[in-house]
PDB file of N, CA and C in Angstrom:
ATOM      1  N   MET A   1       3.656   0.059   6.925  1.00  0.00           N
ATOM      2  CA  MET A   1       3.249   1.063   6.029  1.00  0.00           C
ATOM      3  C   MET A   1       2.552   0.086   4.905  1.00  0.00           C
ATOM      4  N   ALA A   2       1.184   0.888   4.581  1.00  0.00           N
ATOM      5  CA  ALA A   2       0.430  -0.014   3.531  1.00  0.00           C
ATOM      6  C   ALA A   2       0.385   0.636   2.220  1.00  0.00           C
ATOM      7  N   ASN A   3       0.666   1.806   1.761  1.00  0.00           N
ATOM      8  CA  ASN A   3       0.727   2.430   0.594  1.00  0.00           C
ATOM      9  C   ASN A   3       1.892   3.422   0.382  1.00  0.00           C
ATOM     10  N   VAL A   4       2.454   3.802  -0.996  1.00  0.00           N
ATOM     11  CA  VAL A   4       3.217   4.731  -1.115  1.00  0.00           C
ATOM     12  C   VAL A   4       2.388   5.700  -2.213  1.00  0.00           C
ATOM     13  N   TYR A   5       2.473   7.011  -2.027  1.00  0.00           N
ATOM     14  CA  TYR A   5       1.689   7.968  -2.907  1.00  0.00           C
ATOM     15  C   TYR A   5       2.739   8.765  -3.531  1.00  0.00           C
ATOM     16  N   VAL A   6       2.784   8.871  -4.817  1.00  0.00           N
ATOM     17  CA  VAL A   6       3.860   9.799  -5.880  1.00  0.00           C
ATOM     18  C   VAL A   6       2.946  10.780  -6.426  1.00  0.00           C
ATOM     19  N   ASP A   7       3.829  11.738  -6.725  1.00  0.00           N
ATOM     20  CA  ASP A   7       3.089  12.796  -7.488  1.00  0.00           C
ATOM     21  C   ASP A   7       3.217  12.675  -9.010  1.00  0.00           C
ATOM     22  N   GLU A   8       2.772  13.684  -9.646  1.00  0.00           N
ATOM     23  CA  GLU A   8       2.750  13.461 -11.302  1.00  0.00           C
ATOM     24  C   GLU A   8       4.229  13.244 -12.150  1.00  0.00           C
ATOM     25  N   GLU A   9       5.477  13.677 -11.320  1.00  0.00           N
ATOM     26  CA  GLU A   9       6.600  13.342 -11.607  1.00  0.00           C
ATOM     27  C   GLU A   9       7.143  12.007 -11.191  1.00  0.00           C
ATOM     28  N   ARG A  10       6.234  11.501 -10.649  1.00  0.00           N
ATOM     29  CA  ARG A  10       6.728   9.999 -10.144  1.00  0.00           C
ATOM     30  C   ARG A  10       7.719  10.081  -8.611  1.00  0.00           C
ATOM     31  N   ASN A  11       7.686  11.446  -8.024  1.00  0.00           N
ATOM     32  CA  ASN A  11       8.592  11.384  -6.794  1.00  0.00           C
ATOM     33  C   ASN A  11       7.645  10.986  -5.694  1.00  0.00           C
ATOM     34  N   TYR A  12       8.170  10.326  -4.801  1.00  0.00           N
ATOM     35  CA  TYR A  12       7.550   9.712  -3.426  1.00  0.00           C
ATOM     36  C   TYR A  12       7.025  11.148  -2.606  1.00  0.00           C
ATOM     37  N   ARG A  13       5.741  11.097  -2.017  1.00  0.00           N
ATOM     38  CA  ARG A  13       5.200  12.323  -1.369  1.00  0.00           C
ATOM     39  C   ARG A  13       4.970  11.928  -0.188  1.00  0.00           C
ATOM     40  N   PHE A  14       4.070  10.751  -0.189  1.00  0.00           N
ATOM     41  CA  PHE A  14       3.427  10.574   1.282  1.00  0.00           C
ATOM     42  C   PHE A  14       3.396   9.045   1.275  1.00  0.00           C
ATOM     43  N   VAL A  15       3.275   8.512   2.596  1.00  0.00           N
ATOM     44  CA  VAL A  15       3.250   6.778   2.973  1.00  0.00           C
ATOM     45  C   VAL A  15       2.006   6.739   3.805  1.00  0.00           C
ATOM     46  N   ASP A  16       1.294   5.508   3.776  1.00  0.00           N
ATOM     47  CA  ASP A  16       0.061   5.294   4.416  1.00  0.00           C
ATOM     48  C   ASP A  16       0.397   4.516   5.453  1.00  0.00           C
ATOM     49  N   ILE A  17       0.692   4.724   6.727  1.00  0.00           N
ATOM     50  CA  ILE A  17       0.792   4.066   7.868  1.00  0.00           C
ATOM     51  C   ILE A  17      -0.288   3.360   8.516  1.00  0.00           C
ATOM     52  N   ALA A  18      -0.691   2.338   8.619  1.00  0.00           N
ATOM     53  CA  ALA A  18      -1.748   1.454   9.047  1.00  0.00           C
ATOM     54  C   ALA A  18      -1.531   1.090  10.560  1.00  0.00           C
ATOM     55  N   VAL A  19      -2.434   1.577  11.288  1.00  0.00           N
ATOM     56  CA  VAL A  19      -2.509   1.647  12.733  1.00  0.00           C
ATOM     57  C   VAL A  19      -3.621   0.744  13.454  1.00  0.00           C
ATOM     58  N   GLY A  20      -3.277  -0.176  14.091  1.00  0.00           N
ATOM     59  CA  GLY A  20      -4.392  -0.901  15.048  1.00  0.00           C
ATOM     60  C   GLY A  20      -5.171  -1.829  13.801  1.00  0.00           C
ATOM     61  N   GLY A  21      -6.175  -2.465  14.390  1.00  0.00           N
ATOM     62  CA  GLY A  21      -7.060  -3.640  13.677  1.00  0.00           C
ATOM     63  C   GLY A  21      -6.326  -4.744  13.851  1.00  0.00           C
ATOM     64  N   PHE A  22      -6.932  -5.653  13.335  1.00  0.00           N
ATOM     65  CA  PHE A  22      -6.218  -7.177  13.606  1.00  0.00           C
ATOM     66  C   PHE A  22      -5.909  -7.571  11.987  1.00  0.00           C
ATOM     67  N   VAL A  23      -4.966  -8.057  11.684  1.00  0.00           N
ATOM     68  CA  VAL A  23      -4.448  -8.505  10.502  1.00  0.00           C
ATOM     69  C   VAL A  23      -5.227  -7.503   9.291  1.00  0.00           C
ATOM     70  N   GLY A  24      -4.761  -6.466   9.569  1.00  0.00           N
ATOM     71  CA  GLY A  24      -5.258  -5.269   8.534  1.00  0.00           C
ATOM     72  C   GLY A  24      -6.550  -4.831   8.658  1.00  0.00           C
ATOM     73  N   LEU A  25      -7.604  -5.638   9.542  1.00  0.00           N
ATOM     74  CA  LEU A  25      -8.839  -5.108   9.340  1.00  0.00           C
ATOM     75  C   LEU A  25      -9.139  -4.361  10.450  1.00  0.00           C
ATOM     76  N   SER A  26      -9.948  -3.354  10.081  1.00  0.00           N
ATOM     77  CA  SER A  26     -10.367  -2.165  11.142  1.00  0.00           C
ATOM     78  C   SER A  26      -9.207  -1.342  11.218  1.00  0.00           C
ATOM     79  N   ALA A  27      -8.096  -1.418  10.481  1.00  0.00           N
ATOM     80  CA  ALA A  27      -6.938  -0.438  10.834  1.00  0.00           C
ATOM     81  C   ALA A  27      -7.408   0.866  10.500  1.00  0.00           C
ATOM     82  N   LYS A  28      -6.519   1.830  10.923  1.00  0.00           N
ATOM     83  CA  LYS A  28      -6.841   3.226  10.577  1.00  0.00           C
ATOM     84  C   LYS A  28      -5.485   3.617   9.649  1.00  0.00           C
ATOM     85  N   HIS A  29      -5.747   4.342   8.599  1.00  0.00           N
ATOM     86  CA  HIS A  29      -4.823   4.617   7.476  1.00  0.00           C
ATOM     87  C   HIS A  29      -4.539   6.020   7.735  1.00  0.00           C
ATOM     88  N   HIS A  30      -3.172   6.231   8.192  1.00  0.00           N
ATOM     89  CA  HIS A  30      -2.705   7.738   8.539  1.00  0.00           C
ATOM     90  C   HIS A  30      -1.934   8.180   7.409  1.00  0.00           C
ATOM     91  N   LEU A  31      -2.131   9.453   6.778  1.00  0.00           N
ATOM     92  CA  LEU A  31      -1.060   9.952   5.793  1.00  0.00           C
ATOM     93  C   LEU A  31       0.140  10.782   6.364  1.00  0.00           C
ATOM     94  N   ILE A  32       1.162  10.119   6.197  1.00  0.00           N
ATOM     95  CA  ILE A  32       2.728  10.790   6.488  1.00  0.00           C
ATOM     96  C   ILE A  32       3.401  11.161   5.349  1.00  0.00           C
ATOM     97  N   PRO A  33       3.757  12.402   5.475  1.00  0.00           N
ATOM     98  CA  PRO A  33       4.751  12.981   4.408  1.00  0.00           C
ATOM     99  C   PRO A  33       5.944  11.998   4.169  1.00  0.00           C
ATOM    100  N   VAL A  34       6.708  11.700   3.124  1.00  0.00           N
ATOM    101  CA  VAL A  34       7.947  11.222   2.951  1.00  0.00           C
ATOM    102  C   VAL A  34       9.148  12.305   3.867  1.00  0.00           C
ATOM    103  N   ALA A  35       8.731  13.324   3.868  1.00  0.00           N
ATOM    104  CA  ALA A  35       9.881  14.084   4.449  1.00  0.00           C
ATOM    105  C   ALA A  35      10.094  13.669   5.893  1.00  0.00           C
ATOM    106  N   ALA A  36       9.097  13.128   6.223  1.00  0.00           N
ATOM    107  CA  ALA A  36       9.071  12.369   7.703  1.00  0.00           C
ATOM    108  C   ALA A  36       9.818  11.193   8.082  1.00  0.00           C
ATOM    109  N   ILE A  37      10.520  10.720   7.107  1.00  0.00           N
ATOM    110  CA  ILE A  37      10.895   9.407   6.915  1.00  0.00           C
ATOM    111  C   ILE A  37      12.437   9.611   7.091  1.00  0.00           C
ATOM    112  N   ALA A  38      13.130   9.017   8.158  1.00  0.00           N
ATOM    113  CA  ALA A  38      14.609   9.300   8.265  1.00  0.00           C
ATOM    114  C   ALA A  38      15.392   8.424   7.516  1.00  0.00           C
ATOM    115  N   GLU A  39      16.643   8.740   7.338  1.00  0.00           N
ATOM    116  CA  GLU A  39      17.451   7.637   6.501  1.00  0.00           C
ATOM    117  C   GLU A  39      17.704   6.573   7.397  1.00  0.00           C
ATOM    118  N   GLY A  40      17.623   5.412   7.019  1.00  0.00           N
ATOM    119  CA  GLY A  40      17.804   4.099   7.513  1.00  0.00           C
ATOM    120  C   GLY A  40      18.321   2.750   6.670  1.00  0.00           C
ATOM    121  N   GLU A  41      18.405   1.851   7.398  1.00  0.00           N
ATOM    122  CA  GLU A  41      18.937   0.895   6.801  1.00  0.00           C
ATOM    123  C   GLU A  41      17.895   0.185   5.660  1.00  0.00           C
ATOM    124  N   PRO A  42      18.466  -0.261   4.386  1.00  0.00           N
ATOM    125  CA  PRO A  42      17.676  -0.426   3.416  1.00  0.00           C
ATOM    126  C   PRO A  42      16.684  -1.769   4.047  1.00  0.00           C
ATOM    127  N   GLY A  43      15.641  -1.661   3.280  1.00  0.00           N
ATOM    128  CA  GLY A  43      14.581  -2.639   3.800  1.00  0.00           C
ATOM    129  C   GLY A  43      13.832  -2.229   4.773  1.00  0.00           C
ATOM    130  N   SER A  44      13.963  -0.980   5.619  1.00  0.00           N
ATOM    131  CA  SER A  44      13.330  -0.624   6.675  1.00  0.00           C
ATOM    132  C   SER A  44      12.736   0.878   6.804  1.00  0.00           C
ATOM    133  N   VAL A  45      11.914   1.228   7.409  1.00  0.00           N
ATOM    134  CA  VAL A  45      11.432   2.488   7.293  1.00  0.00           C
ATOM    135  C   VAL A  45      11.320   3.048   8.587  1.00  0.00           C
ATOM    136  N   THR A  46      11.971   4.159   8.984  1.00  0.00           N
ATOM    137  CA  THR A  46      11.870   4.534  10.291  1.00  0.00           C
ATOM    138  C   THR A  46      11.539   6.068  10.221  1.00  0.00           C
ATOM    139  N   LEU A  47      10.440   6.508  10.914  1.00  0.00           N
ATOM    140  CA  LEU A  47       9.760   7.845  10.845  1.00  0.00           C
ATOM    141  C   LEU A  47      10.421   8.769  11.658  1.00  0.00           C
ATOM    142  N   GLU A  48      10.569   9.866  11.526  1.00  0.00           N
ATOM    143  CA  GLU A  48      11.453  11.032  12.391  1.00  0.00           C
ATOM    144  C   GLU A  48      10.102  11.606  13.199  1.00  0.00           C
ATOM    145  N   VAL A  49       8.961  11.088  13.373  1.00  0.00           N
ATOM    146  CA  VAL A  49       7.735  11.420  14.241  1.00  0.00           C
ATOM    147  C   VAL A  49       7.432  10.464  15.245  1.00  0.00           C
ATOM    148  N   ASP A  50       6.771  10.864  16.284  1.00  0.00           N
ATOM    149  CA  ASP A  50       6.689   9.641  17.226  1.00  0.00           C
ATOM    150  C   ASP A  50       5.079   9.188  17.016  1.00  0.00           C
ATOM    151  N   ARG A  51       4.732   8.169  17.821  1.00  0.00           N
ATOM    152  CA  ARG A  51       3.748   7.497  17.607  1.00  0.00           C
ATOM    153  C   ARG A  51       2.307   8.435  17.775  1.00  0.00           C
ATOM    154  N   PRO A  52       2.193   9.317  18.737  1.00  0.00           N
ATOM    155  CA  PRO A  52       1.099  10.124  18.895  1.00  0.00           C
ATOM    156  C   PRO A  52       1.139  10.932  17.821  1.00  0.00           C
ATOM    157  N   THR A  53       1.873  11.206  16.961  1.00  0.00           N
ATOM    158  CA  THR A  53       1.992  12.080  15.896  1.00  0.00           C
ATOM    159  C   THR A  53       1.322  11.471  14.625  1.00  0.00           C
ATOM    160  N   VAL A  54       1.813  10.309  14.713  1.00  0.00           N
ATOM    161  CA  VAL A  54       1.289   9.215  13.557  1.00  0.00           C
ATOM    162  C   VAL A  54      -0.218   8.949  13.856  1.00  0.00           C
ATOM    163  N   GLU A  55      -0.693   8.909  15.024  1.00  0.00           N
ATOM    164  CA  GLU A  55      -2.161   8.502  15.503  1.00  0.00           C
ATOM    165  C   GLU A  55      -2.844   9.744  15.247  1.00  0.00           C
ATOM    166  N   SER A  56      -2.416  10.945  15.428  1.00  0.00           N
ATOM    167  CA  SER A  56      -3.238  12.223  14.999  1.00  0.00           C
ATOM    168  C   SER A  56      -2.905  12.621  13.855  1.00  0.00           C
ATOM    169  N   ALA A  57      -2.128  12.200  13.023  1.00  0.00           N
ATOM    170  CA  ALA A  57      -2.351  12.596  11.516  1.00  0.00           C
ATOM    171  C   ALA A  57      -3.514  12.046  10.858  1.00  0.00           C
ATOM    172  N   PRO A  58      -4.075  13.091   9.788  1.00  0.00           N
ATOM    173  CA  PRO A  58      -5.349  12.640   9.125  1.00  0.00           C
ATOM    174  C   PRO A  58      -5.587  11.266   8.317  1.00  0.00           C
ATOM    175  N   THR A  59      -6.614  10.962   8.670  1.00  0.00           N
ATOM    176  CA  THR A  59      -6.647   9.740   8.199  1.00  0.00           C
ATOM    177  C   THR A  59      -7.327   9.566   6.640  1.00  0.00           C
ATOM    178  N   LEU A  60      -7.152   8.561   5.988  1.00  0.00           N
ATOM    179  CA  LEU A  60      -7.384   8.371   4.771  1.00  0.00           C
ATOM    180  C   LEU A  60      -8.592   7.552   4.677  1.00  0.00           C
ATOM    181  N   GLY A  61      -9.922   8.207   3.781  1.00  0.00           N
ATOM    182  CA  GLY A  61     -11.233   7.231   3.734  1.00  0.00           C
ATOM    183  C   GLY A  61     -10.929   6.189   2.866  1.00  0.00           C
ATOM    184  N   ASP A  62     -10.316   6.279   1.839  1.00  0.00           N
ATOM    185  CA  ASP A  62     -10.109   4.947   1.077  1.00  0.00           C
ATOM    186  C   ASP A  62      -8.281   5.128   0.813  1.00  0.00           C
ATOM    187  N   PRO A  63      -7.730   4.296   1.152  1.00  0.00           N
ATOM    188  CA  PRO A  63      -6.362   4.043   1.244  1.00  0.00           C
ATOM    189  C   PRO A  63      -6.031   3.734  -0.346  1.00  0.00           C
ATOM    190  N   HIS A  64      -6.806   3.076  -1.097  1.00  0.00           N
ATOM    191  CA  HIS A  64      -6.605   3.289  -2.593  1.00  0.00           C
ATOM    192  C   HIS A  64      -6.759   4.290  -3.419  1.00  0.00           C
ATOM    193  N   GLU A  65      -7.137   5.415  -2.844  1.00  0.00           N
ATOM    194  CA  GLU A  65      -7.253   6.739  -3.628  1.00  0.00           C
ATOM    195  C   GLU A  65      -6.234   7.677  -3.176  1.00  0.00           C
ATOM    196  N   ALA A  66      -5.845   8.632  -4.109  1.00  0.00           N
ATOM    197  CA  ALA A  66      -4.943   9.556  -3.890  1.00  0.00           C
ATOM    198  C   ALA A  66      -5.153  10.696  -3.062  1.00  0.00           C
ATOM    199  N   PRO A  67      -4.621  11.089  -2.132  1.00  0.00           N
ATOM    200  CA  PRO A  67      -5.072  12.077  -1.012  1.00  0.00           C
ATOM    201  C   PRO A  67      -5.175  13.185  -1.772  1.00  0.00           C
ATOM    202  N   ASP A  68      -6.285  14.097  -1.624  1.00  0.00           N
ATOM    203  CA  ASP A  68      -6.516  15.343  -1.796  1.00  0.00           C
ATOM    204  C   ASP A  68      -5.521  16.443  -1.427  1.00  0.00           C
ATOM    205  N   GLU A  69      -5.680  17.505  -1.733  1.00  0.00           N
ATOM    206  CA  GLU A  69      -4.618  18.828  -1.505  1.00  0.00           C
ATOM    207  C   GLU A  69      -4.961  18.998   0.037  1.00  0.00           C
ATOM    208  N   GLY A  70      -6.140  18.983   0.266  1.00  0.00           N
ATOM    209  CA  GLY A  70      -6.394  19.501   1.676  1.00  0.00           C
ATOM    210  C   GLY A  70      -5.984  18.396   2.530  1.00  0.00           C
ATOM    211  N   LEU A  71      -5.841  17.322   2.372  1.00  0.00           N
ATOM    212  CA  LEU A  71      -5.655  16.241   3.190  1.00  0.00           C
ATOM    213  C   LEU A  71      -3.946  16.375   3.229  1.00  0.00           C
ATOM    214  N   GLN A  72      -3.295  16.344   2.112  1.00  0.00           N
ATOM    215  CA  GLN A  72      -1.920  16.579   2.052  1.00  0.00           C
ATOM    216  C   GLN A  72      -1.385  17.739   2.956  1.00  0.00           C
ATOM    217  N   ARG A  73      -2.150  18.657   2.963  1.00  0.00           N
ATOM    218  CA  ARG A  73      -1.706  19.835   3.702  1.00  0.00           C
ATOM    219  C   ARG A  73      -1.829  19.715   5.212  1.00  0.00           C
ATOM    220  N   ALA A  74      -3.030  18.951   5.572  1.00  0.00           N
ATOM    221  CA  ALA A  74      -2.928  18.674   6.882  1.00  0.00           C
ATOM    222  C   ALA A  74      -2.027  17.792   7.410  1.00  0.00           C
ATOM    223  N   ALA A  75      -1.519  16.955   6.583  1.00  0.00           N
ATOM    224  CA  ALA A  75      -0.713  15.608   6.992  1.00  0.00           C
ATOM    225  C   ALA A  75       0.754  16.521   6.958  1.00  0.00           C
ATOM    226  N   ARG A  76       1.148  17.161   6.385  1.00  0.00           N
ATOM    227  CA  ARG A  76       2.410  18.078   6.347  1.00  0.00           C
ATOM    228  C   ARG A  76       2.461  19.023   7.511  1.00  0.00           C
ATOM    229  N   THR A  77       1.500  19.549   7.994  1.00  0.00           N
ATOM    230  CA  THR A  77       1.209  20.601   9.237  1.00  0.00           C
ATOM    231  C   THR A  77       1.141  19.737  10.416  1.00  0.00           C
ATOM    232  N   ASN A  78       0.446  18.555  10.411  1.00  0.00           N
ATOM    233  CA  ASN A  78       0.548  17.719  11.769  1.00  0.00           C
ATOM    234  C   ASN A  78       1.915  17.154  12.045  1.00  0.00           C
ATOM    235  N   CYS A  79       2.833  16.815  10.895  1.00  0.00           N
ATOM    236  CA  CYS A  79       4.165  16.586  11.002  1.00  0.00           C
ATOM    237  C   CYS A  79       5.234  17.751  11.298  1.00  0.00           C
ATOM    238  N   GLY A  80       4.531  18.795  11.546  1.00  0.00           N
ATOM    239  CA  GLY A  80       5.653  19.990  11.631  1.00  0.00           C
ATOM    240  C   GLY A  80       6.263  20.544  10.564  1.00  0.00           C
ATOM    241  N   LEU A  81       5.666  20.222   9.373  1.00  0.00           N
ATOM    242  CA  LEU A  81       6.376  20.645   8.210  1.00  0.00           C
ATOM    243  C   LEU A  81       5.490  21.773   7.437  1.00  0.00           C
ATOM    244  N   ALA A  82       6.075  22.533   6.437  1.00  0.00           N
ATOM    245  CA  ALA A  82       5.498  23.706   5.840  1.00  0.00           C
ATOM    246  C   ALA A  82       4.203  23.049   5.255  1.00  0.00           C
ATOM    247  N   ALA A  83       2.919  23.583   4.908  1.00  0.00           N
ATOM    248  CA  ALA A  83       1.762  23.130   4.333  1.00  0.00           C
ATOM    249  C   ALA A  83       1.790  22.419   3.115  1.00  0.00           C
ATOM    250  N   SER A  84       2.876  23.076   2.292  1.00  0.00           N
ATOM    251  CA  SER A  84       3.085  22.779   0.932  1.00  0.00           C
ATOM    252  C   SER A  84       4.680  22.780   0.813  1.00  0.00           C
ATOM    253  N   PRO A  85       5.187  21.854   0.043  1.00  0.00           N
ATOM    254  CA  PRO A  85       6.759  21.678  -0.065  1.00  0.00           C
ATOM    255  C   PRO A  85       7.337  22.853  -0.659  1.00  0.00           C
ATOM    256  N   THR A  86       6.575  23.648  -1.259  1.00  0.00           N
ATOM    257  CA  THR A  86       7.246  25.199  -1.991  1.00  0.00           C
ATOM    258  C   THR A  86       7.245  26.244  -0.721  1.00  0.00           C
ATOM    259  N   ASP A  87       6.578  26.103   0.330  1.00  0.00           N
ATOM    260  CA  ASP A  87       6.369  27.052   1.467  1.00  0.00           C
ATOM    261  C   ASP A  87       7.638  27.037   2.245  1.00  0.00           C
ATOM    262  N   SER A  88       8.396  25.917   2.352  1.00  0.00           N
ATOM    263  CA  SER A  88       9.706  25.598   3.109  1.00  0.00           C
ATOM    264  C   SER A  88      10.537  26.919   2.939  1.00  0.00           C
TER     265      SER A  88
END
Protein backbone atom coordinates (compact mmCIF):
# COMPACT_ATOMS: atom_id res chain seq x y z
CA MET A 1 0.00 0.00 0.00
CA ALA A 2 1.61 3.23 -1.15
CA ASN A 3 -0.98 5.92 -0.28
CA VAL A 4 -4.30 6.43 1.47
CA TYR A 5 -6.85 8.92 0.16
CA VAL A 6 -9.43 10.64 2.38
CA ASP A 7 -12.54 12.68 1.61
CA GLU A 8 -13.37 16.22 2.77
CA GLU A 9 -14.55 14.88 6.15
CA ARG A 10 -11.22 13.02 6.55
CA ASN A 11 -12.80 9.57 6.13
CA TYR A 12 -10.63 6.94 4.48
CA ARG A 13 -11.97 6.23 0.97
CA PHE A 14 -9.28 4.66 -1.23
CA VAL A 15 -5.86 3.06 -1.04
CA ASP A 16 -3.13 3.01 -3.65
CA ILE A 17 -1.78 -0.50 -4.14
CA ALA A 18 1.59 -0.46 -5.95
CA VAL A 19 2.18 -3.58 -8.07
CA GLY A 20 5.31 -4.61 -9.93
CA GLY A 21 8.45 -2.65 -10.49
CA PHE A 22 11.69 -2.95 -8.59
CA VAL A 23 12.06 -1.14 -5.26
CA GLY A 24 9.07 1.00 -6.19
CA LEU A 25 10.46 2.00 -9.60
CA SER A 26 8.14 1.42 -12.57
CA ALA A 27 5.39 0.17 -10.24
CA LYS A 28 1.79 0.58 -11.35
CA HIS A 29 -0.41 2.28 -8.78
CA HIS A 30 -3.93 0.80 -8.63
CA LEU A 31 -6.83 2.53 -6.87
CA ILE A 32 -8.76 0.26 -4.49
CA PRO A 33 -11.75 1.37 -2.35
CA VAL A 34 -11.36 1.07 1.41
CA ALA A 35 -14.61 -0.95 1.34
CA ALA A 36 -12.54 -3.76 -0.25
CA ILE A 37 -10.31 -4.05 2.84
CA ALA A 38 -11.15 -6.89 5.22
CA GLU A 39 -11.01 -6.66 9.00
CA GLY A 40 -7.63 -7.95 10.05
CA GLU A 41 -4.79 -7.87 12.45
CA PRO A 42 -3.51 -4.45 13.54
CA GLY A 43 -0.61 -3.36 11.37
CA SER A 44 -1.62 -5.42 8.34
CA VAL A 45 -3.89 -4.88 5.34
CA THR A 46 -5.93 -7.72 3.82
CA LEU A 47 -7.95 -7.11 0.69
CA GLU A 48 -11.27 -8.81 0.01
CA VAL A 49 -10.47 -8.84 -3.72
CA ASP A 50 -8.04 -11.11 -5.54
CA ARG A 51 -4.83 -10.18 -7.32
CA PRO A 52 -6.40 -10.12 -10.84
CA THR A 53 -9.00 -7.63 -9.55
CA VAL A 54 -6.25 -5.42 -8.11
CA GLU A 55 -4.24 -5.62 -11.32
CA SER A 56 -7.29 -4.70 -13.42
CA ALA A 57 -8.18 -1.75 -11.16
CA PRO A 58 -7.74 1.72 -12.65
CA THR A 59 -4.22 3.08 -12.43
CA LEU A 60 -3.27 6.44 -11.01
CA GLY A 61 -1.36 8.72 -13.36
CA ASP A 62 0.17 10.56 -10.40
CA PRO A 63 -0.21 8.75 -7.07
CA HIS A 64 0.43 12.05 -5.25
CA GLU A 65 -2.72 13.62 -6.71
CA ALA A 66 -6.22 12.86 -5.43
CA PRO A 67 -8.18 10.56 -7.79
CA ASP A 68 -10.94 12.29 -9.73
CA GLU A 69 -14.61 11.24 -9.57
CA GLY A 70 -14.42 9.11 -12.73
CA LEU A 71 -11.44 7.15 -11.43
CA GLN A 72 -13.18 6.66 -8.08
CA ARG A 73 -16.31 5.28 -9.79
CA ALA A 74 -14.24 2.97 -11.99
CA ALA A 75 -12.33 1.65 -8.94
CA ARG A 76 -15.54 0.93 -7.00
CA THR A 77 -17.16 -0.78 -10.00
CA ASN A 78 -14.01 -2.85 -10.67
CA CYS A 79 -14.23 -4.23 -7.11
CA GLY A 80 -17.92 -5.11 -7.45
CA LEU A 81 -19.18 -2.16 -5.40
CA ALA A 82 -21.77 0.48 -6.23
CA ALA A 83 -20.32 3.27 -8.41
CA SER A 84 -20.89 5.72 -5.56
CA PRO A 85 -21.14 5.03 -1.81
CA THR A 86 -24.64 6.56 -1.86
CA ASP A 87 -25.77 4.10 -4.60
CA SER A 88 -25.48 1.14 -2.19
